[in-house]
């Protein structure tokens, strides 16, 4: 019987708990096992190193995948994938980007603030007063979005308007034919 991502997540819980981290997600694909760990306040490089050694030792004893594979132990990062209802619950109040299944809503992309996450569905506020409710089976991909800061001011050297000086207007020269 093949080992699933959920099986590995359950098996790895006691392996990483001594380091004060929890399993956030486990992804398995051809030749890659990605174990994402997290804790309140984030994880340090030392936490990742300790968890990596422990998971690697566990996999040496309990081979999770036949053949060669790469083990990656990582943190969720500032822009996290949302795959389970627990991930969505933890992201309530954050900005999210969602790609829906083709038949879910009129547009396949839904961006906004995650207002609510229940056992069967989520609610996203696209704009004030414009909420969209999606069932989990209508979500193809989802992730949180980190806003890096305000938009940079335009640079006068790159065609933007400089402070205090009006921009000179240029006109196209008229073509004179003789």
N, C-alpha and C. Protein backbone atom coordinates (compact mmCIF):
# COMPACT_ATOMS: atom_id res chain seq x y z
N UNK A 1 0.84 -1.18 0.00
CA UNK A 1 0.00 0.00 0.00
C UNK A 1 0.89 1.25 0.00
N UNK A 2 0.56 2.20 -0.84
CA UNK A 2 1.35 3.42 -0.96
C UNK A 2 1.08 4.35 0.22
N UNK A 3 2.11 5.05 0.62
CA UNK A 3 2.01 6.02 1.70
C UNK A 3 1.49 7.34 1.12
N UNK A 4 0.52 7.94 1.78
CA UNK A 4 -0.03 9.22 1.31
C UNK A 4 0.59 10.37 2.09
N UNK A 5 0.37 11.57 1.61
CA UNK A 5 0.85 12.76 2.30
C UNK A 5 0.25 12.87 3.70
N UNK A 6 -1.05 12.53 3.81
CA UNK A 6 -1.71 12.58 5.12
C UNK A 6 -1.12 11.56 6.08
N UNK A 7 -0.80 10.36 5.57
CA UNK A 7 -0.16 9.33 6.42
C UNK A 7 1.17 9.84 6.95
N UNK A 8 1.96 10.44 6.06
CA UNK A 8 3.27 10.96 6.48
C UNK A 8 3.13 12.09 7.48
N UNK A 9 2.16 12.96 7.28
CA UNK A 9 1.96 14.07 8.22
C UNK A 9 1.67 13.55 9.62
N UNK A 10 0.83 12.54 9.71
CA UNK A 10 0.50 11.94 11.01
C UNK A 10 1.72 11.26 11.62
N UNK A 11 2.46 10.52 10.80
CA UNK A 11 3.64 9.81 11.30
C UNK A 11 4.75 10.76 11.75
N UNK A 12 4.85 11.92 11.11
CA UNK A 12 5.93 12.85 11.43
C UNK A 12 5.63 13.79 12.60
N UNK A 13 4.38 13.84 13.04
CA UNK A 13 4.05 14.72 14.17
C UNK A 13 4.95 14.48 15.38
N UNK A 14 5.07 13.25 15.88
CA UNK A 14 5.92 13.03 17.06
C UNK A 14 7.41 13.19 16.76
N UNK A 15 7.78 13.15 15.49
CA UNK A 15 9.19 13.29 15.11
C UNK A 15 9.65 14.74 15.25
N UNK A 16 8.79 15.69 14.91
CA UNK A 16 9.19 17.10 14.94
C UNK A 16 8.74 17.85 16.20
N UNK A 17 7.79 17.31 16.94
CA UNK A 17 7.29 17.99 18.14
C UNK A 17 8.38 18.32 19.16
N UNK A 18 9.41 17.46 19.37
CA UNK A 18 10.45 17.81 20.35
C UNK A 18 11.18 19.13 20.02
N UNK A 19 11.08 19.61 18.81
CA UNK A 19 11.75 20.84 18.40
C UNK A 19 10.80 22.04 18.46
N UNK A 20 9.60 21.81 18.98
CA UNK A 20 8.65 22.91 19.14
C UNK A 20 7.96 23.33 17.87
N UNK A 21 8.00 22.50 16.84
CA UNK A 21 7.33 22.84 15.58
C UNK A 21 6.23 21.82 15.30
N UNK A 22 5.29 22.22 14.46
CA UNK A 22 4.20 21.34 14.05
C UNK A 22 4.28 21.12 12.54
N UNK A 23 3.71 20.04 12.10
CA UNK A 23 3.61 19.78 10.66
C UNK A 23 2.52 20.69 10.10
N UNK A 24 2.89 21.52 9.16
CA UNK A 24 1.92 22.38 8.48
C UNK A 24 1.36 21.66 7.25
N UNK A 25 2.24 20.97 6.52
CA UNK A 25 1.82 20.29 5.31
C UNK A 25 2.89 19.30 4.88
N UNK A 26 2.48 18.28 4.16
CA UNK A 26 3.40 17.34 3.53
C UNK A 26 2.93 17.17 2.09
N UNK A 27 3.85 17.39 1.15
CA UNK A 27 3.56 17.21 -0.27
C UNK A 27 4.48 16.15 -0.82
N UNK A 28 3.93 15.29 -1.64
CA UNK A 28 4.73 14.25 -2.29
C UNK A 28 4.49 14.32 -3.79
N UNK A 29 5.58 14.35 -4.53
CA UNK A 29 5.48 14.28 -5.99
C UNK A 29 6.66 13.46 -6.47
N UNK A 30 6.77 13.29 -7.76
CA UNK A 30 7.85 12.48 -8.31
C UNK A 30 9.20 12.89 -7.74
N UNK A 31 9.80 12.04 -6.95
CA UNK A 31 11.15 12.27 -6.46
C UNK A 31 11.30 13.39 -5.45
N UNK A 32 10.20 13.89 -4.87
CA UNK A 32 10.29 14.98 -3.89
C UNK A 32 9.30 14.75 -2.76
N UNK A 33 9.80 14.90 -1.54
CA UNK A 33 8.94 14.94 -0.36
C UNK A 33 9.22 16.28 0.32
N UNK A 34 8.20 17.14 0.34
CA UNK A 34 8.35 18.46 0.97
C UNK A 34 7.55 18.45 2.27
N UNK A 35 8.26 18.62 3.38
CA UNK A 35 7.65 18.68 4.70
C UNK A 35 7.71 20.13 5.16
N UNK A 36 6.55 20.73 5.36
CA UNK A 36 6.49 22.12 5.79
C UNK A 36 6.15 22.14 7.28
N UNK A 37 7.01 22.81 8.06
CA UNK A 37 6.80 22.90 9.50
C UNK A 37 6.59 24.36 9.88
N UNK A 38 5.90 24.56 11.00
CA UNK A 38 5.60 25.92 11.43
C UNK A 38 5.44 25.95 12.94
N UNK A 39 5.47 27.13 13.50
CA UNK A 39 5.13 27.37 14.90
C UNK A 39 4.66 28.81 15.01
N UNK A 40 3.96 29.11 16.08
CA UNK A 40 3.52 30.48 16.30
C UNK A 40 4.76 31.38 16.36
N UNK A 41 4.75 32.44 15.61
CA UNK A 41 5.89 33.34 15.57
C UNK A 41 6.92 32.98 14.52
N UNK A 42 6.73 31.86 13.83
CA UNK A 42 7.63 31.45 12.75
C UNK A 42 8.72 30.50 13.21
N UNK A 43 9.44 29.95 12.26
CA UNK A 43 10.51 29.00 12.55
C UNK A 43 11.86 29.62 12.19
N UNK A 44 12.87 29.19 12.91
CA UNK A 44 14.22 29.69 12.65
C UNK A 44 14.98 28.69 11.79
N UNK A 45 16.14 29.09 11.34
CA UNK A 45 16.98 28.19 10.56
C UNK A 45 17.39 26.99 11.41
N UNK A 46 17.65 27.23 12.69
CA UNK A 46 17.99 26.13 13.60
C UNK A 46 16.85 25.14 13.74
N UNK A 47 15.61 25.65 13.81
CA UNK A 47 14.44 24.77 13.89
C UNK A 47 14.34 23.89 12.65
N UNK A 48 14.56 24.51 11.48
CA UNK A 48 14.49 23.76 10.23
C UNK A 48 15.59 22.70 10.15
N UNK A 49 16.79 23.06 10.61
CA UNK A 49 17.91 22.12 10.59
C UNK A 49 17.62 20.92 11.48
N UNK A 50 17.14 21.19 12.70
CA UNK A 50 16.82 20.11 13.64
C UNK A 50 15.72 19.21 13.10
N UNK A 51 14.66 19.83 12.57
CA UNK A 51 13.55 19.06 12.02
C UNK A 51 14.01 18.25 10.82
N UNK A 52 14.87 18.82 9.98
CA UNK A 52 15.38 18.11 8.81
C UNK A 52 16.15 16.86 9.22
N UNK A 53 17.03 16.98 10.22
CA UNK A 53 17.80 15.82 10.67
C UNK A 53 16.86 14.74 11.24
N UNK A 54 15.88 15.15 12.02
CA UNK A 54 14.97 14.18 12.62
C UNK A 54 14.12 13.47 11.56
N UNK A 55 13.61 14.23 10.60
CA UNK A 55 12.79 13.63 9.54
C UNK A 55 13.65 12.72 8.67
N UNK A 56 14.85 13.14 8.36
CA UNK A 56 15.76 12.32 7.56
C UNK A 56 16.07 11.01 8.26
N UNK A 57 16.35 11.06 9.56
CA UNK A 57 16.61 9.83 10.32
C UNK A 57 15.38 8.92 10.35
N UNK A 58 14.20 9.51 10.49
CA UNK A 58 12.96 8.73 10.47
C UNK A 58 12.80 8.04 9.11
N UNK A 59 13.06 8.77 8.03
CA UNK A 59 12.92 8.19 6.69
C UNK A 59 13.98 7.12 6.42
N UNK A 60 15.15 7.21 7.06
CA UNK A 60 16.15 6.16 6.91
C UNK A 60 15.62 4.83 7.46
N UNK A 61 14.82 4.90 8.52
CA UNK A 61 14.24 3.70 9.12
C UNK A 61 12.93 3.27 8.48
N UNK A 62 12.14 4.22 8.04
CA UNK A 62 10.81 3.96 7.46
C UNK A 62 10.76 4.58 6.08
N UNK A 63 11.24 3.88 5.09
CA UNK A 63 11.33 4.41 3.74
C UNK A 63 9.94 4.78 3.21
N UNK A 64 9.65 6.08 2.99
CA UNK A 64 8.32 6.50 2.59
C UNK A 64 8.04 6.36 1.09
N UNK A 65 9.10 6.26 0.29
CA UNK A 65 8.93 6.26 -1.16
C UNK A 65 9.97 5.32 -1.76
N UNK A 66 9.53 4.52 -2.69
CA UNK A 66 10.47 3.61 -3.35
C UNK A 66 11.38 4.39 -4.29
N UNK A 67 12.63 4.01 -4.32
CA UNK A 67 13.58 4.67 -5.21
C UNK A 67 14.15 5.92 -4.57
N UNK A 68 14.75 6.72 -5.42
CA UNK A 68 15.40 7.96 -4.96
C UNK A 68 14.37 9.07 -4.79
N UNK A 69 14.65 9.94 -3.84
CA UNK A 69 13.81 11.11 -3.65
C UNK A 69 14.63 12.19 -2.96
N UNK A 70 14.15 13.41 -3.04
CA UNK A 70 14.76 14.54 -2.36
C UNK A 70 13.85 14.93 -1.21
N UNK A 71 14.43 15.09 -0.04
CA UNK A 71 13.68 15.55 1.12
C UNK A 71 13.91 17.04 1.28
N UNK A 72 12.83 17.77 1.42
CA UNK A 72 12.91 19.21 1.65
C UNK A 72 12.08 19.53 2.89
N UNK A 73 12.73 20.06 3.92
CA UNK A 73 12.02 20.52 5.12
C UNK A 73 12.07 22.03 5.09
N UNK A 74 10.91 22.66 5.12
CA UNK A 74 10.83 24.10 4.89
C UNK A 74 9.78 24.74 5.78
N UNK A 75 9.77 26.06 5.80
CA UNK A 75 8.73 26.81 6.50
C UNK A 75 7.67 27.20 5.47
N UNK A 76 6.48 27.56 5.93
CA UNK A 76 5.44 27.94 4.96
C UNK A 76 5.74 29.24 4.22
N UNK A 77 6.56 30.10 4.78
CA UNK A 77 6.87 31.37 4.13
C UNK A 77 5.77 32.38 4.34
N UNK A 78 5.96 33.57 3.82
CA UNK A 78 4.96 34.63 4.01
C UNK A 78 3.76 34.42 3.09
N UNK A 79 3.96 33.78 1.96
CA UNK A 79 2.86 33.44 1.08
C UNK A 79 2.72 31.92 1.10
N UNK A 80 1.72 31.46 1.87
CA UNK A 80 1.56 30.03 2.12
C UNK A 80 0.47 29.43 1.24
N UNK A 81 0.70 28.19 0.85
CA UNK A 81 -0.36 27.44 0.17
C UNK A 81 -1.42 27.09 1.19
N UNK A 82 -2.66 27.14 0.76
CA UNK A 82 -3.79 26.76 1.60
C UNK A 82 -4.40 25.51 0.97
N UNK A 83 -4.28 24.39 1.67
CA UNK A 83 -4.77 23.14 1.10
C UNK A 83 -5.81 22.45 1.95
N UNK A 84 -5.80 22.66 3.24
CA UNK A 84 -6.75 21.98 4.12
C UNK A 84 -7.64 23.00 4.81
N UNK A 85 -8.78 22.57 5.33
CA UNK A 85 -9.63 23.50 6.08
C UNK A 85 -8.88 24.17 7.24
N UNK A 86 -7.97 23.46 7.89
CA UNK A 86 -7.19 24.05 8.99
C UNK A 86 -6.31 25.18 8.48
N UNK A 87 -5.75 25.05 7.28
CA UNK A 87 -4.95 26.12 6.70
C UNK A 87 -5.80 27.37 6.48
N UNK A 88 -7.02 27.18 5.97
CA UNK A 88 -7.91 28.31 5.73
C UNK A 88 -8.33 28.96 7.04
N UNK A 89 -8.64 28.16 8.06
CA UNK A 89 -9.02 28.71 9.36
C UNK A 89 -7.90 29.58 9.92
N UNK A 90 -6.66 29.13 9.79
CA UNK A 90 -5.51 29.89 10.29
C UNK A 90 -5.28 31.17 9.50
N UNK A 91 -5.80 31.26 8.28
CA UNK A 91 -5.57 32.43 7.42
C UNK A 91 -6.73 33.43 7.43
N UNK A 92 -7.74 33.21 8.26
CA UNK A 92 -8.87 34.15 8.31
C UNK A 92 -8.35 35.54 8.63
N UNK A 93 -8.80 36.53 7.85
CA UNK A 93 -8.38 37.91 8.02
C UNK A 93 -7.24 38.30 7.08
N UNK A 94 -6.66 37.33 6.39
CA UNK A 94 -5.55 37.61 5.48
C UNK A 94 -6.03 37.74 4.04
N UNK A 95 -5.20 38.38 3.24
CA UNK A 95 -5.45 38.51 1.81
C UNK A 95 -5.11 37.19 1.14
N UNK A 96 -6.00 36.70 0.27
CA UNK A 96 -5.80 35.41 -0.39
C UNK A 96 -6.03 35.54 -1.89
N UNK A 97 -5.41 34.63 -2.64
CA UNK A 97 -5.65 34.47 -4.08
C UNK A 97 -6.13 33.04 -4.27
N UNK A 98 -7.22 32.89 -4.99
CA UNK A 98 -7.80 31.57 -5.19
C UNK A 98 -8.09 31.36 -6.67
N UNK A 99 -7.74 30.17 -7.13
CA UNK A 99 -8.12 29.73 -8.47
C UNK A 99 -9.18 28.67 -8.27
N UNK A 100 -10.33 28.87 -8.88
CA UNK A 100 -11.44 27.95 -8.68
C UNK A 100 -11.50 26.92 -9.80
N UNK A 101 -12.34 25.93 -9.60
CA UNK A 101 -12.62 24.96 -10.66
C UNK A 101 -13.44 25.68 -11.73
N UNK A 102 -13.44 25.18 -12.97
CA UNK A 102 -14.11 25.90 -14.06
C UNK A 102 -15.59 26.20 -13.82
N UNK A 103 -16.29 25.36 -13.09
CA UNK A 103 -17.73 25.54 -12.92
C UNK A 103 -18.11 26.26 -11.63
N UNK A 104 -17.16 26.77 -10.87
CA UNK A 104 -17.44 27.31 -9.54
C UNK A 104 -18.14 28.67 -9.57
N UNK A 105 -17.52 29.66 -10.16
CA UNK A 105 -18.07 31.01 -10.23
C UNK A 105 -17.79 31.56 -11.62
N UNK A 106 -18.32 32.76 -11.90
CA UNK A 106 -18.17 33.31 -13.25
C UNK A 106 -16.72 33.56 -13.63
N UNK A 107 -15.88 33.90 -12.67
CA UNK A 107 -14.46 34.10 -12.96
C UNK A 107 -13.66 33.07 -12.17
N UNK A 108 -12.60 32.57 -12.76
CA UNK A 108 -11.82 31.51 -12.09
C UNK A 108 -10.88 32.05 -11.04
N UNK A 109 -10.66 33.35 -11.01
CA UNK A 109 -9.74 33.95 -10.03
C UNK A 109 -10.55 34.78 -9.04
N UNK A 110 -10.33 34.51 -7.77
CA UNK A 110 -10.99 35.26 -6.72
C UNK A 110 -9.90 35.73 -5.76
N UNK A 111 -9.77 37.04 -5.64
CA UNK A 111 -8.80 37.65 -4.73
C UNK A 111 -9.55 38.49 -3.72
N UNK A 112 -9.11 38.46 -2.47
CA UNK A 112 -9.73 39.28 -1.45
C UNK A 112 -9.32 38.84 -0.07
N UNK A 113 -10.03 39.35 0.92
CA UNK A 113 -9.75 39.02 2.31
C UNK A 113 -10.60 37.81 2.71
N UNK A 114 -9.95 36.83 3.31
CA UNK A 114 -10.65 35.64 3.78
C UNK A 114 -11.41 36.01 5.05
N UNK A 115 -12.74 36.05 4.95
CA UNK A 115 -13.58 36.46 6.08
C UNK A 115 -13.90 35.31 7.01
N UNK A 116 -14.14 34.13 6.43
CA UNK A 116 -14.59 33.00 7.24
C UNK A 116 -14.15 31.70 6.59
N UNK A 117 -13.85 30.72 7.43
CA UNK A 117 -13.52 29.38 6.95
C UNK A 117 -14.20 28.38 7.86
N UNK A 118 -15.11 27.63 7.29
CA UNK A 118 -15.84 26.62 8.06
C UNK A 118 -15.39 25.23 7.68
N UNK A 119 -16.20 24.26 8.02
CA UNK A 119 -15.85 22.86 7.72
C UNK A 119 -16.11 22.52 6.26
N UNK A 120 -17.03 23.26 5.60
CA UNK A 120 -17.40 22.94 4.22
C UNK A 120 -17.06 24.03 3.21
N UNK A 121 -16.93 25.29 3.68
CA UNK A 121 -16.76 26.39 2.73
C UNK A 121 -16.00 27.56 3.36
N UNK A 122 -15.65 28.50 2.48
CA UNK A 122 -14.98 29.73 2.90
C UNK A 122 -15.74 30.92 2.32
N UNK A 123 -15.54 32.09 2.92
CA UNK A 123 -16.13 33.32 2.40
C UNK A 123 -15.01 34.33 2.22
N UNK A 124 -14.97 34.93 1.04
CA UNK A 124 -13.95 35.92 0.69
C UNK A 124 -14.64 37.24 0.38
N UNK A 125 -14.07 38.32 0.92
CA UNK A 125 -14.57 39.65 0.59
C UNK A 125 -13.70 40.22 -0.52
N UNK A 126 -14.28 40.27 -1.74
CA UNK A 126 -13.54 40.83 -2.88
C UNK A 126 -13.44 42.34 -2.75
N UNK A 127 -14.54 42.99 -2.47
CA UNK A 127 -14.65 44.43 -2.25
C UNK A 127 -15.66 44.62 -1.13
N UNK A 128 -15.70 45.78 -0.48
CA UNK A 128 -16.71 45.99 0.55
C UNK A 128 -18.11 45.70 0.01
N UNK A 129 -18.81 44.80 0.67
CA UNK A 129 -20.16 44.42 0.25
C UNK A 129 -20.22 43.39 -0.86
N UNK A 130 -19.07 42.93 -1.36
CA UNK A 130 -19.03 41.94 -2.45
C UNK A 130 -18.31 40.69 -1.93
N UNK A 131 -19.10 39.79 -1.34
CA UNK A 131 -18.55 38.55 -0.78
C UNK A 131 -18.83 37.37 -1.69
N UNK A 132 -17.88 36.43 -1.69
CA UNK A 132 -18.03 35.21 -2.48
C UNK A 132 -17.84 34.03 -1.53
N UNK A 133 -18.75 33.07 -1.57
CA UNK A 133 -18.63 31.86 -0.77
C UNK A 133 -18.30 30.70 -1.71
N UNK A 134 -17.27 29.95 -1.34
CA UNK A 134 -16.84 28.80 -2.14
C UNK A 134 -16.77 27.56 -1.25
N UNK A 135 -17.23 26.44 -1.80
CA UNK A 135 -17.01 25.15 -1.14
C UNK A 135 -15.57 24.73 -1.40
N UNK A 136 -15.01 23.92 -0.51
CA UNK A 136 -13.63 23.49 -0.68
C UNK A 136 -13.43 22.71 -1.99
N UNK A 137 -14.45 21.98 -2.42
CA UNK A 137 -14.30 21.22 -3.67
C UNK A 137 -14.33 22.12 -4.91
N UNK A 138 -14.64 23.41 -4.73
CA UNK A 138 -14.61 24.36 -5.84
C UNK A 138 -13.26 25.08 -5.95
N UNK A 139 -12.34 24.78 -5.04
CA UNK A 139 -11.05 25.46 -5.01
C UNK A 139 -9.98 24.56 -5.62
N UNK A 140 -9.37 25.06 -6.69
CA UNK A 140 -8.29 24.32 -7.33
C UNK A 140 -6.96 24.60 -6.64
N UNK A 141 -6.68 25.90 -6.40
CA UNK A 141 -5.45 26.33 -5.72
C UNK A 141 -5.76 27.56 -4.90
N UNK A 142 -5.04 27.69 -3.78
CA UNK A 142 -5.22 28.88 -2.95
C UNK A 142 -3.92 29.17 -2.20
N UNK A 143 -3.69 30.46 -1.96
CA UNK A 143 -2.52 30.87 -1.18
C UNK A 143 -2.77 32.22 -0.55
N UNK A 144 -2.03 32.47 0.52
CA UNK A 144 -2.09 33.80 1.12
C UNK A 144 -1.22 34.73 0.29
N UNK A 145 -1.46 36.03 0.41
CA UNK A 145 -0.71 37.03 -0.34
C UNK A 145 -0.14 38.02 0.67
N UNK A 146 1.15 38.25 0.59
CA UNK A 146 1.79 39.23 1.45
C UNK A 146 1.93 40.54 0.69
N UNK A 147 1.46 41.63 1.29
CA UNK A 147 1.57 42.94 0.67
C UNK A 147 2.89 43.54 1.13
N UNK A 148 3.79 43.76 0.20
CA UNK A 148 5.15 44.18 0.51
C UNK A 148 5.28 45.64 0.89
N UNK A 149 4.31 46.45 0.67
CA UNK A 149 4.39 47.87 1.02
C UNK A 149 3.73 48.70 -0.05
N UNK A 150 3.79 50.03 0.13
CA UNK A 150 3.13 50.89 -0.86
C UNK A 150 3.85 50.83 -2.20
N UNK A 151 3.10 51.17 -3.23
CA UNK A 151 3.66 51.23 -4.57
C UNK A 151 4.77 52.28 -4.60
N UNK A 152 5.87 52.00 -5.29
CA UNK A 152 6.93 53.01 -5.36
C UNK A 152 6.45 54.22 -6.16
N UNK A 153 7.01 55.36 -5.80
CA UNK A 153 6.68 56.58 -6.54
C UNK A 153 7.35 56.53 -7.90
N UNK A 154 6.70 57.08 -8.91
CA UNK A 154 7.31 57.05 -10.25
C UNK A 154 8.59 57.88 -10.28
N UNK A 155 9.54 57.40 -11.02
CA UNK A 155 10.83 58.08 -11.15
C UNK A 155 10.80 59.02 -12.34
N UNK A 156 11.26 60.27 -12.16
CA UNK A 156 11.27 61.20 -13.30
C UNK A 156 12.13 60.67 -14.45
N UNK A 157 13.18 59.94 -14.12
CA UNK A 157 14.05 59.42 -15.19
C UNK A 157 13.39 58.29 -15.97
N UNK A 158 12.32 57.73 -15.43
CA UNK A 158 11.64 56.64 -16.12
C UNK A 158 10.27 57.06 -16.64
N UNK A 159 10.10 58.36 -16.81
CA UNK A 159 8.86 58.84 -17.40
C UNK A 159 7.83 59.29 -16.41
N UNK A 160 8.14 59.26 -15.10
CA UNK A 160 7.21 59.73 -14.09
C UNK A 160 7.32 61.23 -13.91
N UNK A 161 6.40 61.79 -13.17
CA UNK A 161 6.38 63.22 -12.92
C UNK A 161 7.29 63.52 -11.74
N UNK A 162 8.17 64.52 -11.89
CA UNK A 162 9.04 64.90 -10.79
C UNK A 162 8.29 65.81 -9.83
N UNK A 163 8.79 65.89 -8.59
CA UNK A 163 8.13 66.69 -7.56
C UNK A 163 8.28 68.18 -7.88
N UNK A 164 7.18 68.89 -7.85
CA UNK A 164 7.20 70.34 -7.96
C UNK A 164 7.44 70.90 -9.35
N UNK A 165 7.83 70.12 -10.28
CA UNK A 165 8.11 70.63 -11.63
C UNK A 165 7.09 70.04 -12.60
N UNK A 166 6.43 70.90 -13.34
CA UNK A 166 5.51 70.35 -14.33
C UNK A 166 6.30 69.68 -15.45
N UNK A 167 5.77 68.64 -15.95
CA UNK A 167 6.42 67.90 -17.02
C UNK A 167 6.24 68.64 -18.33
N UNK A 168 7.32 68.78 -19.05
CA UNK A 168 7.26 69.46 -20.35
C UNK A 168 6.46 68.61 -21.30
N UNK A 169 5.59 69.27 -22.00
CA UNK A 169 4.78 68.55 -22.98
C UNK A 169 5.53 68.54 -24.31
N UNK A 170 5.52 67.40 -24.90
CA UNK A 170 6.15 67.31 -26.21
C UNK A 170 5.06 67.04 -27.24
N UNK A 171 5.28 67.53 -28.39
CA UNK A 171 4.31 67.27 -29.45
C UNK A 171 5.05 66.62 -30.60
N UNK A 172 4.32 65.98 -31.40
CA UNK A 172 4.91 65.34 -32.56
C UNK A 172 5.15 66.40 -33.62
N UNK A 173 6.37 66.47 -34.14
CA UNK A 173 6.63 67.50 -35.16
C UNK A 173 5.79 67.23 -36.41
N UNK A 174 5.36 68.33 -37.01
CA UNK A 174 4.57 68.17 -38.23
C UNK A 174 5.51 67.84 -39.37
N UNK A 175 5.05 67.04 -40.24
CA UNK A 175 5.85 66.65 -41.39
C UNK A 175 5.62 67.68 -42.49
N UNK A 176 6.71 68.23 -42.97
CA UNK A 176 6.63 69.23 -44.03
C UNK A 176 7.07 68.56 -45.32
N UNK A 177 6.23 68.63 -46.29
CA UNK A 177 6.59 68.07 -47.59
C UNK A 177 6.68 69.17 -48.62
N UNK A 178 7.63 69.07 -49.47
CA UNK A 178 7.77 70.07 -50.53
C UNK A 178 7.74 69.47 -51.90
